[in-house]
PDB file of N, CA and C in Angstrom:
ATOM      1  N   MET A   1      54.190 123.470  91.562  1.00  0.00           N
ATOM      2  CA  MET A   1      54.522 123.289  92.955  1.00  0.00           C
ATOM      3  C   MET A   1      53.391 123.903  93.785  1.00  0.00           C
ATOM      4  N   ILE A   2      52.827 123.119  94.684  1.00  0.00           N
ATOM      5  CA  ILE A   2      51.746 123.572  95.541  1.00  0.00           C
ATOM      6  C   ILE A   2      52.290 123.750  96.944  1.00  0.00           C
ATOM      7  N   GLU A   3      52.451 124.987  97.385  1.00  0.00           N
ATOM      8  CA  GLU A   3      53.041 125.235  98.697  1.00  0.00           C
ATOM      9  C   GLU A   3      52.139 124.785  99.831  1.00  0.00           C
ATOM     10  N   ASN A   4      50.826 124.599  99.581  1.00  0.00           N
ATOM     11  CA  ASN A   4      49.918 124.142 100.626  1.00  0.00           C
ATOM     12  C   ASN A   4      50.187 122.695 101.024  1.00  0.00           C
ATOM     13  N   ASP A   5      51.009 121.992 100.280  1.00  0.00           N
ATOM     14  CA  ASP A   5      51.354 120.614 100.609  1.00  0.00           C
ATOM     15  C   ASP A   5      52.310 120.535 101.791  1.00  0.00           C
ATOM     16  N   PHE A   6      52.845 121.653 102.208  1.00  0.00           N
ATOM     17  CA  PHE A   6      53.847 121.677 103.269  1.00  0.00           C
ATOM     18  C   PHE A   6      53.272 122.368 104.503  1.00  0.00           C
ATOM     19  N   PRO A   7      53.479 121.771 105.677  1.00  0.00           N
ATOM     20  CA  PRO A   7      52.935 122.378 106.898  1.00  0.00           C
ATOM     21  C   PRO A   7      53.608 123.716 107.205  1.00  0.00           C
ATOM     22  N   PRO A   8      52.923 124.539 107.993  1.00  0.00           N
ATOM     23  CA  PRO A   8      53.512 125.836 108.356  1.00  0.00           C
ATOM     24  C   PRO A   8      54.908 125.661 108.954  1.00  0.00           C
ATOM     25  N   GLY A   9      55.811 126.489 108.488  1.00  0.00           N
ATOM     26  CA  GLY A   9      57.192 126.412 108.952  1.00  0.00           C
ATOM     27  C   GLY A   9      58.070 125.527 108.084  1.00  0.00           C
ATOM     28  N   PHE A  10      57.456 124.775 107.174  1.00  0.00           N
ATOM     29  CA  PHE A  10      58.219 123.869 106.310  1.00  0.00           C
ATOM     30  C   PHE A  10      58.069 124.229 104.825  1.00  0.00           C
ATOM     31  N   GLU A  11      57.650 125.446 104.547  1.00  0.00           N
ATOM     32  CA  GLU A  11      57.454 125.864 103.163  1.00  0.00           C
ATOM     33  C   GLU A  11      58.745 125.754 102.350  1.00  0.00           C
ATOM     34  N   GLY A  12      59.890 125.899 103.007  1.00  0.00           N
ATOM     35  CA  GLY A  12      61.183 125.774 102.327  1.00  0.00           C
ATOM     36  C   GLY A  12      61.424 124.389 101.766  1.00  0.00           C
ATOM     37  N   ASP A  13      60.708 123.388 102.286  1.00  0.00           N
ATOM     38  CA  ASP A  13      60.866 122.028 101.777  1.00  0.00           C
ATOM     39  C   ASP A  13      60.331 121.879 100.352  1.00  0.00           C
ATOM     40  N   ALA A  14      59.593 122.881  99.885  1.00  0.00           N
ATOM     41  CA  ALA A  14      59.120 122.866  98.495  1.00  0.00           C
ATOM     42  C   ALA A  14      60.296 122.963  97.529  1.00  0.00           C
ATOM     43  N   LYS A  15      61.467 123.324  98.035  1.00  0.00           N
ATOM     44  CA  LYS A  15      62.681 123.392  97.210  1.00  0.00           C
ATOM     45  C   LYS A  15      63.421 122.050  97.177  1.00  0.00           C
ATOM     46  N   ASN A  16      62.872 121.035  97.841  1.00  0.00           N
ATOM     47  CA  ASN A  16      63.523 119.726  97.885  1.00  0.00           C
ATOM     48  C   ASN A  16      63.065 118.841  96.729  1.00  0.00           C
ATOM     49  N   ILE A  17      64.014 118.161  96.125  1.00  0.00           N
ATOM     50  CA  ILE A  17      63.727 117.084  95.172  1.00  0.00           C
ATOM     51  C   ILE A  17      64.366 115.830  95.750  1.00  0.00           C
ATOM     52  N   ALA A  18      63.563 114.782  95.927  1.00  0.00           N
ATOM     53  CA  ALA A  18      64.049 113.521  96.483  1.00  0.00           C
ATOM     54  C   ALA A  18      64.338 112.555  95.337  1.00  0.00           C
ATOM     55  N   ILE A  19      65.560 112.026  95.321  1.00  0.00           N
ATOM     56  CA  ILE A  19      65.999 111.155  94.230  1.00  0.00           C
ATOM     57  C   ILE A  19      66.502 109.841  94.802  1.00  0.00           C
ATOM     58  N   ASP A  20      65.924 108.742  94.323  1.00  0.00           N
ATOM     59  CA  ASP A  20      66.365 107.408  94.721  1.00  0.00           C
ATOM     60  C   ASP A  20      67.785 107.187  94.202  1.00  0.00           C
ATOM     61  N   PHE A  21      68.566 106.402  94.923  1.00  0.00           N
ATOM     62  CA  PHE A  21      69.955 106.156  94.534  1.00  0.00           C
ATOM     63  C   PHE A  21      70.074 104.961  93.583  1.00  0.00           C
ATOM     64  N   ASP A  22      69.657 103.784  94.060  1.00  0.00           N
ATOM     65  CA  ASP A  22      69.805 102.557  93.258  1.00  0.00           C
ATOM     66  C   ASP A  22      68.871 102.570  92.053  1.00  0.00           C
ATOM     67  N   GLY A  23      69.437 102.443  90.874  1.00  0.00           N
ATOM     68  CA  GLY A  23      68.644 102.379  89.658  1.00  0.00           C
ATOM     69  C   GLY A  23      68.238 103.730  89.106  1.00  0.00           C
ATOM     70  N   VAL A  24      68.601 104.820  89.790  1.00  0.00           N
ATOM     71  CA  VAL A  24      68.271 106.156  89.309  1.00  0.00           C
ATOM     72  C   VAL A  24      69.542 106.991  89.142  1.00  0.00           C
ATOM     73  N   VAL A  25      70.415 106.942  90.143  1.00  0.00           N
ATOM     74  CA  VAL A  25      71.688 107.656  90.046  1.00  0.00           C
ATOM     75  C   VAL A  25      72.766 106.715  89.508  1.00  0.00           C
ATOM     76  N   HIS A  26      72.774 105.488  90.001  1.00  0.00           N
ATOM     77  CA  HIS A  26      73.740 104.499  89.499  1.00  0.00           C
ATOM     78  C   HIS A  26      73.014 103.245  89.053  1.00  0.00           C
ATOM     79  N   ASN A  27      73.656 102.511  88.125  1.00  0.00           N
ATOM     80  CA  ASN A  27      73.024 101.265  87.699  1.00  0.00           C
ATOM     81  C   ASN A  27      73.121 100.273  88.853  1.00  0.00           C
ATOM     82  N   PHE A  28      72.128  99.537  89.016  1.00  0.00           N
ATOM     83  CA  PHE A  28      72.017  98.600  90.135  1.00  0.00           C
ATOM     84  C   PHE A  28      72.018  97.207  89.533  1.00  0.00           C
ATOM     85  N   ASP A  29      72.951  96.978  88.605  1.00  0.00           N
ATOM     86  CA  ASP A  29      72.914  95.786  87.766  1.00  0.00           C
ATOM     87  C   ASP A  29      73.255  94.479  88.478  1.00  0.00           C
ATOM     88  N   LYS A  30      73.756  94.538  89.713  1.00  0.00           N
ATOM     89  CA  LYS A  30      74.058  93.316  90.458  1.00  0.00           C
ATOM     90  C   LYS A  30      73.119  93.128  91.651  1.00  0.00           C
ATOM     91  N   GLY A  31      72.115  93.994  91.800  1.00  0.00           N
ATOM     92  CA  GLY A  31      71.249  93.913  92.969  1.00  0.00           C
ATOM     93  C   GLY A  31      72.034  94.222  94.233  1.00  0.00           C
ATOM     94  N   PHE A  32      71.649  93.612  95.354  1.00  0.00           N
ATOM     95  CA  PHE A  32      72.336  93.887  96.615  1.00  0.00           C
ATOM     96  C   PHE A  32      73.809  93.506  96.523  1.00  0.00           C
ATOM     97  N   HIS A  33      74.115  92.418  95.828  1.00  0.00           N
ATOM     98  CA  HIS A  33      75.480  91.923  95.632  1.00  0.00           C
ATOM     99  C   HIS A  33      76.189  91.784  96.975  1.00  0.00           C
ATOM    100  N   ASP A  34      77.180  92.580  97.247  1.00  0.00           N
ATOM    101  CA  ASP A  34      77.923  92.477  98.508  1.00  0.00           C
ATOM    102  C   ASP A  34      77.670  93.677  99.425  1.00  0.00           C
ATOM    103  N   GLY A  35      76.663  94.481  99.088  1.00  0.00           N
ATOM    104  CA  GLY A  35      76.312  95.624  99.925  1.00  0.00           C
ATOM    105  C   GLY A  35      77.062  96.900  99.613  1.00  0.00           C
ATOM    106  N   THR A  36      78.050  96.830  98.726  1.00  0.00           N
ATOM    107  CA  THR A  36      78.809  98.027  98.380  1.00  0.00           C
ATOM    108  C   THR A  36      78.035  98.866  97.357  1.00  0.00           C
ATOM    109  N   CYS A  37      78.520 100.044  97.094  1.00  0.00           N
ATOM    110  CA  CYS A  37      77.978 100.899  96.034  1.00  0.00           C
ATOM    111  C   CYS A  37      78.898 100.739  94.833  1.00  0.00           C
ATOM    112  N   TYR A  38      78.621  99.755  94.028  1.00  0.00           N
ATOM    113  CA  TYR A  38      79.512  99.320  92.954  1.00  0.00           C
ATOM    114  C   TYR A  38      79.152  99.913  91.601  1.00  0.00           C
ATOM    115  N   GLY A  39      77.915 100.358  91.417  1.00  0.00           N
ATOM    116  CA  GLY A  39      77.410 100.691  90.091  1.00  0.00           C
ATOM    117  C   GLY A  39      78.040 101.910  89.458  1.00  0.00           C
ATOM    118  N   GLU A  40      77.929 101.944  88.147  1.00  0.00           N
ATOM    119  CA  GLU A  40      78.378 103.106  87.376  1.00  0.00           C
ATOM    120  C   GLU A  40      77.233 104.107  87.290  1.00  0.00           C
ATOM    121  N   PRO A  41      77.556 105.378  87.149  1.00  0.00           N
ATOM    122  CA  PRO A  41      76.491 106.383  87.023  1.00  0.00           C
ATOM    123  C   PRO A  41      75.620 106.097  85.805  1.00  0.00           C
ATOM    124  N   LEU A  42      74.315 106.254  85.972  1.00  0.00           N
ATOM    125  CA  LEU A  42      73.426 106.152  84.820  1.00  0.00           C
ATOM    126  C   LEU A  42      73.651 107.368  83.930  1.00  0.00           C
ATOM    127  N   GLU A  43      73.493 107.176  82.648  1.00  0.00           N
ATOM    128  CA  GLU A  43      73.724 108.262  81.700  1.00  0.00           C
ATOM    129  C   GLU A  43      72.887 109.484  82.071  1.00  0.00           C
ATOM    130  N   GLY A  44      73.546 110.601  82.237  1.00  0.00           N
ATOM    131  CA  GLY A  44      72.883 111.867  82.528  1.00  0.00           C
ATOM    132  C   GLY A  44      72.635 112.135  84.003  1.00  0.00           C
ATOM    133  N   SER A  45      72.822 111.127  84.857  1.00  0.00           N
ATOM    134  CA  SER A  45      72.464 111.313  86.267  1.00  0.00           C
ATOM    135  C   SER A  45      73.345 112.350  86.968  1.00  0.00           C
ATOM    136  N   LEU A  46      74.628 112.315  86.718  1.00  0.00           N
ATOM    137  CA  LEU A  46      75.525 113.251  87.404  1.00  0.00           C
ATOM    138  C   LEU A  46      75.266 114.682  86.960  1.00  0.00           C
ATOM    139  N   ASP A  47      75.073 114.886  85.651  1.00  0.00           N
ATOM    140  CA  ASP A  47      74.752 116.222  85.151  1.00  0.00           C
ATOM    141  C   ASP A  47      73.405 116.691  85.681  1.00  0.00           C
ATOM    142  N   ALA A  48      72.451 115.764  85.822  1.00  0.00           N
ATOM    143  CA  ALA A  48      71.132 116.128  86.348  1.00  0.00           C
ATOM    144  C   ALA A  48      71.241 116.608  87.793  1.00  0.00           C
ATOM    145  N   LEU A  49      72.051 115.921  88.607  1.00  0.00           N
ATOM    146  CA  LEU A  49      72.233 116.346  89.992  1.00  0.00           C
ATOM    147  C   LEU A  49      72.799 117.762  90.042  1.00  0.00           C
ATOM    148  N   LYS A  50      73.795 118.020  89.203  1.00  0.00           N
ATOM    149  CA  LYS A  50      74.417 119.346  89.164  1.00  0.00           C
ATOM    150  C   LYS A  50      73.405 120.405  88.736  1.00  0.00           C
ATOM    151  N   THR A  51      72.672 120.120  87.660  1.00  0.00           N
ATOM    152  CA  THR A  51      71.707 121.085  87.127  1.00  0.00           C
ATOM    153  C   THR A  51      70.588 121.356  88.113  1.00  0.00           C
ATOM    154  N   LEU A  52      70.012 120.299  88.670  1.00  0.00           N
ATOM    155  CA  LEU A  52      68.895 120.466  89.600  1.00  0.00           C
ATOM    156  C   LEU A  52      69.315 121.206  90.869  1.00  0.00           C
ATOM    157  N   SER A  53      70.569 121.015  91.281  1.00  0.00           N
ATOM    158  CA  SER A  53      71.029 121.651  92.520  1.00  0.00           C
ATOM    159  C   SER A  53      71.121 123.171  92.394  1.00  0.00           C
ATOM    160  N   ASP A  54      71.076 123.689  91.171  1.00  0.00           N
ATOM    161  CA  ASP A  54      71.080 125.140  90.990  1.00  0.00           C
ATOM    162  C   ASP A  54      69.819 125.777  91.588  1.00  0.00           C
ATOM    163  N   ASP A  55      68.704 125.044  91.533  1.00  0.00           N
ATOM    164  CA  ASP A  55      67.426 125.596  91.990  1.00  0.00           C
ATOM    165  C   ASP A  55      66.760 124.818  93.122  1.00  0.00           C
ATOM    166  N   TYR A  56      67.277 123.623  93.406  1.00  0.00           N
ATOM    167  CA  TYR A  56      66.636 122.753  94.392  1.00  0.00           C
ATOM    168  C   TYR A  56      67.655 122.156  95.357  1.00  0.00           C
ATOM    169  N   ASN A  57      67.164 121.722  96.497  1.00  0.00           N
ATOM    170  CA  ASN A  57      67.957 120.933  97.436  1.00  0.00           C
ATOM    171  C   ASN A  57      67.800 119.475  97.029  1.00  0.00           C
ATOM    172  N   ILE A  58      68.901 118.823  96.723  1.00  0.00           N
ATOM    173  CA  ILE A  58      68.860 117.424  96.302  1.00  0.00           C
ATOM    174  C   ILE A  58      68.989 116.543  97.537  1.00  0.00           C
ATOM    175  N   ILE A  59      68.009 115.665  97.717  1.00  0.00           N
ATOM    176  CA  ILE A  59      68.038 114.700  98.808  1.00  0.00           C
ATOM    177  C   ILE A  59      68.019 113.308  98.195  1.00  0.00           C
ATOM    178  N   ILE A  60      69.077 112.559  98.446  1.00  0.00           N
ATOM    179  CA  ILE A  60      69.152 111.173  97.971  1.00  0.00           C
ATOM    180  C   ILE A  60      68.492 110.294  99.025  1.00  0.00           C
ATOM    181  N   PHE A  61      67.512 109.481  98.595  1.00  0.00           N
ATOM    182  CA  PHE A  61      66.917 108.543  99.540  1.00  0.00           C
ATOM    183  C   PHE A  61      67.215 107.125  99.075  1.00  0.00           C
ATOM    184  N   THR A  62      67.547 106.275 100.046  1.00  0.00           N
ATOM    185  CA  THR A  62      67.945 104.918  99.725  1.00  0.00           C
ATOM    186  C   THR A  62      67.816 104.024 100.949  1.00  0.00           C
ATOM    187  N   ALA A  63      67.407 102.793 100.726  1.00  0.00           N
ATOM    188  CA  ALA A  63      67.349 101.823 101.821  1.00  0.00           C
ATOM    189  C   ALA A  63      68.745 101.530 102.353  1.00  0.00           C
ATOM    190  N   LYS A  64      69.765 101.809 101.562  1.00  0.00           N
ATOM    191  CA  LYS A  64      71.145 101.617 102.020  1.00  0.00           C
ATOM    192  C   LYS A  64      71.442 102.438 103.281  1.00  0.00           C
ATOM    193  N   ALA A  65      70.714 103.534 103.466  1.00  0.00           N
ATOM    194  CA  ALA A  65      70.973 104.435 104.592  1.00  0.00           C
ATOM    195  C   ALA A  65      70.224 104.035 105.865  1.00  0.00           C
ATOM    196  N   LYS A  66      69.480 102.949 105.828  1.00  0.00           N
ATOM    197  CA  LYS A  66      68.750 102.532 107.037  1.00  0.00           C
ATOM    198  C   LYS A  66      69.733 102.239 108.164  1.00  0.00           C
ATOM    199  N   PRO A  67      69.428 102.724 109.359  1.00  0.00           N
ATOM    200  CA  PRO A  67      70.367 102.558 110.476  1.00  0.00           C
ATOM    201  C   PRO A  67      70.562 101.103 110.914  1.00  0.00           C
ATOM    202  N   ASN A  68      69.613 100.225 110.614  1.00  0.00           N
ATOM    203  CA  ASN A  68      69.768  98.823 111.018  1.00  0.00           C
ATOM    204  C   ASN A  68      70.500  97.983 109.977  1.00  0.00           C
ATOM    205  N   ARG A  69      70.960  98.611 108.908  1.00  0.00           N
ATOM    206  CA  ARG A  69      71.714  97.903 107.871  1.00  0.00           C
ATOM    207  C   ARG A  69      73.102  97.569 108.416  1.00  0.00           C
ATOM    208  N   PRO A  70      73.558  96.338 108.208  1.00  0.00           N
ATOM    209  CA  PRO A  70      74.894  95.992 108.717  1.00  0.00           C
ATOM    210  C   PRO A  70      75.995  96.819 108.039  1.00  0.00           C
ATOM    211  N   LEU A  71      77.080  97.000 108.765  1.00  0.00           N
ATOM    212  CA  LEU A  71      78.236  97.698 108.195  1.00  0.00           C
ATOM    213  C   LEU A  71      78.801  96.876 107.046  1.00  0.00           C
ATOM    214  N   VAL A  72      79.299  97.566 106.044  1.00  0.00           N
ATOM    215  CA  VAL A  72      79.962  96.929 104.908  1.00  0.00           C
ATOM    216  C   VAL A  72      81.360  97.526 104.846  1.00  0.00           C
ATOM    217  N   ASN A  73      82.360  96.682 105.003  1.00  0.00           N
ATOM    218  CA  ASN A  73      83.740  97.157 105.051  1.00  0.00           C
ATOM    219  C   ASN A  73      83.914  98.236 106.119  1.00  0.00           C
ATOM    220  N   GLY A  74      83.201  98.067 107.249  1.00  0.00           N
ATOM    221  CA  GLY A  74      83.315  98.993 108.367  1.00  0.00           C
ATOM    222  C   GLY A  74      82.579 100.301 108.199  1.00  0.00           C
ATOM    223  N   LYS A  75      81.754 100.427 107.149  1.00  0.00           N
ATOM    224  CA  LYS A  75      81.059 101.686 106.887  1.00  0.00           C
ATOM    225  C   LYS A  75      79.552 101.477 106.868  1.00  0.00           C
ATOM    226  N   THR A  76      78.849 102.537 107.266  1.00  0.00           N
ATOM    227  CA  THR A  76      77.391 102.527 107.158  1.00  0.00           C
ATOM    228  C   THR A  76      77.007 102.703 105.691  1.00  0.00           C
ATOM    229  N   GLY A  77      75.763 102.387 105.393  1.00  0.00           N
ATOM    230  CA  GLY A  77      75.274 102.594 104.032  1.00  0.00           C
ATOM    231  C   GLY A  77      75.332 104.048 103.623  1.00  0.00           C
ATOM    232  N   THR A  78      75.024 104.938 104.564  1.00  0.00           N
ATOM    233  CA  THR A  78      75.093 106.369 104.263  1.00  0.00           C
ATOM    234  C   THR A  78      76.513 106.771 103.884  1.00  0.00           C
ATOM    235  N   GLU A  79      77.492 106.262 104.632  1.00  0.00           N
ATOM    236  CA  GLU A  79      78.897 106.566 104.316  1.00  0.00           C
ATOM    237  C   GLU A  79      79.278 106.016 102.945  1.00  0.00           C
ATOM    238  N   LEU A  80      78.803 104.820 102.609  1.00  0.00           N
ATOM    239  CA  LEU A  80      79.111 104.224 101.301  1.00  0.00           C
ATOM    240  C   LEU A  80      78.522 105.055 100.164  1.00  0.00           C
ATOM    241  N   VAL A  81      77.282 105.505 100.332  1.00  0.00           N
ATOM    242  CA  VAL A  81      76.650 106.330  99.300  1.00  0.00           C
ATOM    243  C   VAL A  81      77.402 107.651  99.159  1.00  0.00           C
ATOM    244  N   LYS A  82      77.740 108.279 100.274  1.00  0.00           N
ATOM    245  CA  LYS A  82      78.489 109.548 100.208  1.00  0.00           C
ATOM    246  C   LYS A  82      79.854 109.348  99.563  1.00  0.00           C
ATOM    247  N   ASP A  83      80.514 108.231  99.858  1.00  0.00           N
ATOM    248  CA  ASP A  83      81.806 107.933  99.216  1.00  0.00           C
ATOM    249  C   ASP A  83      81.634 107.815  97.703  1.00  0.00           C
ATOM    250  N   TRP A  84      80.557 107.136  97.272  1.00  0.00           N
ATOM    251  CA  TRP A  84      80.293 106.968  95.840  1.00  0.00           C
ATOM    252  C   TRP A  84      80.055 108.337  95.204  1.00  0.00           C
ATOM    253  N   LEU A  85      79.241 109.160  95.845  1.00  0.00           N
ATOM    254  CA  LEU A  85      78.952 110.499  95.311  1.00  0.00           C
ATOM    255  C   LEU A  85      80.225 111.344  95.239  1.00  0.00           C
ATOM    256  N   LYS A  86      81.071 111.221  96.266  1.00  0.00           N
ATOM    257  CA  LYS A  86      82.337 111.961  96.275  1.00  0.00           C
ATOM    258  C   LYS A  86      83.257 111.465  95.160  1.00  0.00           C
ATOM    259  N   LYS A  87      83.339 110.155  94.997  1.00  0.00           N
ATOM    260  CA  LYS A  87      84.180 109.567  93.936  1.00  0.00           C
ATOM    261  C   LYS A  87      83.782 110.109  92.566  1.00  0.00           C
ATOM    262  N   HIS A  88      82.488 110.372  92.382  1.00  0.00           N
ATOM    263  CA  HIS A  88      81.992 110.850  91.089  1.00  0.00           C
ATOM    264  C   HIS A  88      81.791 112.372  91.070  1.00  0.00           C
ATOM    265  N   ASN A  89      82.388 113.035  92.056  1.00  0.00           N
ATOM    266  CA  ASN A  89      82.428 114.507  92.110  1.00  0.00           C
ATOM    267  C   ASN A  89      81.052 115.175  92.121  1.00  0.00           C
ATOM    268  N   VAL A  90      80.086 114.575  92.844  1.00  0.00           N
ATOM    269  CA  VAL A  90      78.769 115.203  92.933  1.00  0.00           C
ATOM    270  C   VAL A  90      78.266 115.335  94.377  1.00  0.00           C
ATOM    271  N   LEU A  91      79.058 114.936  95.347  1.00  0.00           N
ATOM    272  CA  LEU A  91      78.612 115.031  96.737  1.00  0.00           C
ATOM    273  C   LEU A  91      78.251 116.463  97.107  1.00  0.00           C
ATOM    274  N   GLN A  92      78.988 117.423  96.607  1.00  0.00           N
ATOM    275  CA  GLN A  92      78.738 118.820  96.941  1.00  0.00           C
ATOM    276  C   GLN A  92      77.394 119.324  96.424  1.00  0.00           C
ATOM    277  N   TYR A  93      76.748 118.591  95.524  1.00  0.00           N
ATOM    278  CA  TYR A  93      75.447 118.993  94.988  1.00  0.00           C
ATOM    279  C   TYR A  93      74.288 118.374  95.758  1.00  0.00           C
ATOM    280  N   VAL A  94      74.604 117.504  96.702  1.00  0.00           N
ATOM    281  CA  VAL A  94      73.592 116.768  97.455  1.00  0.00           C
ATOM    282  C   VAL A  94      73.502 117.330  98.872  1.00  0.00           C
ATOM    283  N   LYS A  95      72.292 117.709  99.272  1.00  0.00           N
ATOM    284  CA  LYS A  95      72.091 118.271 100.614  1.00  0.00           C
ATOM    285  C   LYS A  95      72.099 117.187 101.679  1.00  0.00           C
ATOM    286  N   GLU A  96      71.522 116.014 101.353  1.00  0.00           N
ATOM    287  CA  GLU A  96      71.335 114.993 102.377  1.00  0.00           C
ATOM    288  C   GLU A  96      71.220 113.611 101.737  1.00  0.00           C
ATOM    289  N   VAL A  97      71.647 112.592 102.484  1.00  0.00           N
ATOM    290  CA  VAL A  97      71.423 111.193 102.128  1.00  0.00           C
ATOM    291  C   VAL A  97      70.630 110.592 103.280  1.00  0.00           C
ATOM    292  N   THR A  98      69.490 109.999 102.980  1.00  0.00           N
ATOM    293  CA  THR A  98      68.598 109.513 104.031  1.00  0.00           C
ATOM    294  C   THR A  98      67.870 108.237 103.605  1.00  0.00           C
ATOM    295  N   ALA A  99      67.395 107.503 104.587  1.00  0.00           N
ATOM    296  CA  ALA A  99      66.540 106.343 104.324  1.00  0.00           C
ATOM    297  C   ALA A  99      65.070 106.732 104.476  1.00  0.00           C
ATOM    298  N   GLU A 100      64.828 107.911 105.009  1.00  0.00           N
ATOM    299  CA  GLU A 100      63.463 108.377 105.243  1.00  0.00           C
ATOM    300  C   GLU A 100      62.902 109.063 104.001  1.00  0.00           C
ATOM    301  N   LYS A 101      61.590 109.016 103.854  1.00  0.00           N
ATOM    302  CA  LYS A 101      60.950 109.759 102.775  1.00  0.00           C
ATOM    303  C   LYS A 101      60.904 111.221 103.209  1.00  0.00           C
ATOM    304  N   PRO A 102      61.691 112.068 102.575  1.00  0.00           N
ATOM    305  CA  PRO A 102      61.724 113.478 103.002  1.00  0.00           C
ATOM    306  C   PRO A 102      60.539 114.262 102.433  1.00  0.00           C
ATOM    307  N   ARG A 103      60.261 115.413 103.020  1.00  0.00           N
ATOM    308  CA  ARG A 103      59.303 116.316 102.396  1.00  0.00           C
ATOM    309  C   ARG A 103      59.964 116.816 101.117  1.00  0.00           C
ATOM    310  N   ALA A 104      59.247 116.724 100.016  1.00  0.00           N
ATOM    311  CA  ALA A 104      59.817 117.149  98.736  1.00  0.00           C
ATOM    312  C   ALA A 104      58.695 117.513  97.774  1.00  0.00           C
ATOM    313  N   THR A 105      59.059 118.280  96.787  1.00  0.00           N
ATOM    314  CA  THR A 105      58.082 118.675  95.785  1.00  0.00           C
ATOM    315  C   THR A 105      57.861 117.569  94.755  1.00  0.00           C
ATOM    316  N   ILE A 106      58.857 116.666  94.617  1.00  0.00           N
ATOM    317  CA  ILE A 106      58.727 115.538  93.702  1.00  0.00           C
ATOM    318  C   ILE A 106      59.696 114.441  94.133  1.00  0.00           C
ATOM    319  N   TYR A 107      59.336 113.202  93.818  1.00  0.00           N
ATOM    320  CA  TYR A 107      60.169 112.034  94.113  1.00  0.00           C
ATOM    321  C   TYR A 107      60.517 111.377  92.786  1.00  0.00           C
ATOM    322  N   ILE A 108      61.799 111.123  92.581  1.00  0.00           N
ATOM    323  CA  ILE A 108      62.257 110.459  91.355  1.00  0.00           C
ATOM    324  C   ILE A 108      62.758 109.083  91.766  1.00  0.00           C
ATOM    325  N   ASP A 109      62.040 108.041  91.323  1.00  0.00           N
ATOM    326  CA  ASP A 109      62.302 106.679  91.793  1.00  0.00           C
ATOM    327  C   ASP A 109      61.975 105.697  90.683  1.00  0.00           C
ATOM    328  N   ASP A 110      62.869 104.773  90.407  1.00  0.00           N
ATOM    329  CA  ASP A 110      62.640 103.793  89.349  1.00  0.00           C
ATOM    330  C   ASP A 110      61.564 102.774  89.697  1.00  0.00           C
ATOM    331  N   LYS A 111      61.218 102.643  90.965  1.00  0.00           N
ATOM    332  CA  LYS A 111      60.197 101.690  91.361  1.00  0.00           C
ATOM    333  C   LYS A 111      58.905 102.377  91.813  1.00  0.00           C
ATOM    334  N   GLY A 112      58.828 103.669  91.583  1.00  0.00           N
ATOM    335  CA  GLY A 112      57.649 104.424  91.999  1.00  0.00           C
ATOM    336  C   GLY A 112      56.455 104.141  91.098  1.00  0.00           C
ATOM    337  N   TYR A 113      55.307 104.432  91.612  1.00  0.00           N
ATOM    338  CA  TYR A 113      54.059 104.295  90.867  1.00  0.00           C
ATOM    339  C   TYR A 113      53.322 105.615  90.998  1.00  0.00           C
ATOM    340  N   TYR A 114      52.861 106.147  89.896  1.00  0.00           N
ATOM    341  CA  TYR A 114      52.141 107.412  89.931  1.00  0.00           C
ATOM    342  C   TYR A 114      50.677 107.143  90.250  1.00  0.00           C
ATOM    343  N   PHE A 115      50.274 107.523  91.435  1.00  0.00           N
ATOM    344  CA  PHE A 115      48.923 107.285  91.911  1.00  0.00           C
ATOM    345  C   PHE A 115      47.965 108.357  91.415  1.00  0.00           C
ATOM    346  N   THR A 116      46.822 107.907  90.885  1.00  0.00           N
ATOM    347  CA  THR A 116      45.739 108.835  90.536  1.00  0.00           C
ATOM    348  C   THR A 116      44.465 108.477  91.296  1.00  0.00           C
ATOM    349  N   ASN A 117      44.158 107.168  91.368  1.00  0.00           N
ATOM    350  CA  ASN A 117      42.985 106.720  92.119  1.00  0.00           C
ATOM    351  C   ASN A 117      43.132 105.228  92.404  1.00  0.00           C
ATOM    352  N   TRP A 118      42.375 104.741  93.391  1.00  0.00           N
ATOM    353  CA  TRP A 118      42.522 103.346  93.813  1.00  0.00           C
ATOM    354  C   TRP A 118      41.963 102.356  92.797  1.00  0.00           C
ATOM    355  N   SER A 119      40.948 102.709  92.080  1.00  0.00           N
ATOM    356  CA  SER A 119      40.379 101.788  91.096  1.00  0.00           C
ATOM    357  C   SER A 119      41.424 101.434  90.035  1.00  0.00           C
ATOM    358  N   ASP A 120      42.040 102.455  89.442  1.00  0.00           N
ATOM    359  CA  ASP A 120      43.077 102.219  88.428  1.00  0.00           C
ATOM    360  C   ASP A 120      44.297 101.538  89.040  1.00  0.00           C
ATOM    361  N   THR A 121      44.647 101.929  90.262  1.00  0.00           N
ATOM    362  CA  THR A 121      45.813 101.346  90.909  1.00  0.00           C
ATOM    363  C   THR A 121      45.636  99.834  91.106  1.00  0.00           C
ATOM    364  N   LEU A 122      44.475  99.418  91.596  1.00  0.00           N
ATOM    365  CA  LEU A 122      44.232  97.986  91.804  1.00  0.00           C
ATOM    366  C   LEU A 122      44.261  97.218  90.484  1.00  0.00           C
ATOM    367  N   LYS A 123      43.731  97.793  89.428  1.00  0.00           N
ATOM    368  CA  LYS A 123      43.771  97.159  88.099  1.00  0.00           C
ATOM    369  C   LYS A 123      45.227  97.043  87.627  1.00  0.00           C
ATOM    370  N   ASP A 124      45.996  98.123  87.754  1.00  0.00           N
ATOM    371  CA  ASP A 124      47.395  98.123  87.323  1.00  0.00           C
ATOM    372  C   ASP A 124      48.222  97.102  88.103  1.00  0.00           C
ATOM    373  N   LEU A 125      47.994  97.041  89.400  1.00  0.00           N
ATOM    374  CA  LEU A 125      48.763  96.089  90.223  1.00  0.00           C
ATOM    375  C   LEU A 125      48.436  94.643  89.863  1.00  0.00           C
ATOM    376  N   LYS A 126      47.199  94.392  89.515  1.00  0.00           N
ATOM    377  CA  LYS A 126      46.797  93.036  89.128  1.00  0.00           C
ATOM    378  C   LYS A 126      47.566  92.589  87.880  1.00  0.00           C
ATOM    379  N   VAL A 127      47.779  93.516  86.967  1.00  0.00           N
ATOM    380  CA  VAL A 127      48.504  93.227  85.727  1.00  0.00           C
ATOM    381  C   VAL A 127      50.000  93.113  85.986  1.00  0.00           C
ATOM    382  N   ARG A 128      50.549  93.985  86.839  1.00  0.00           N
ATOM    383  CA  ARG A 128      51.994  94.059  87.050  1.00  0.00           C
ATOM    384  C   ARG A 128      52.543  93.012  87.997  1.00  0.00           C
ATOM    385  N   LEU A 129      51.771  92.604  88.990  1.00  0.00           N
ATOM    386  CA  LEU A 129      52.320  91.716  90.024  1.00  0.00           C
ATOM    387  C   LEU A 129      51.956  90.266  89.820  1.00  0.00           C
TER     388      LEU A 129
END
């Protein structure tokens, strides 16, 4: 953990771990489907949230929480995600649910790409896309 990555006054954000919701906490096996949070927990995800929360602030990030997302069954995406977390008894381990990329020491995302340099990145993207 490099504390210099955080601006003055935000050093506490080094205790944040940002975790994507779809495909990381729950299986996203139907895609958008009907907009609900339908998936089952991925193996180990609930225990990981509990364990990590002992030492870190868990921030769930998801496009579901975008404010311009239409209501689903009268609820915002943030409310749906919190309901899912509550149903699976892990809401109390999560500090925040957001659509924004929070300041964090690490991001856990199934669609993330680990950047090292642009030369390798352009080669990798050519193969993957």
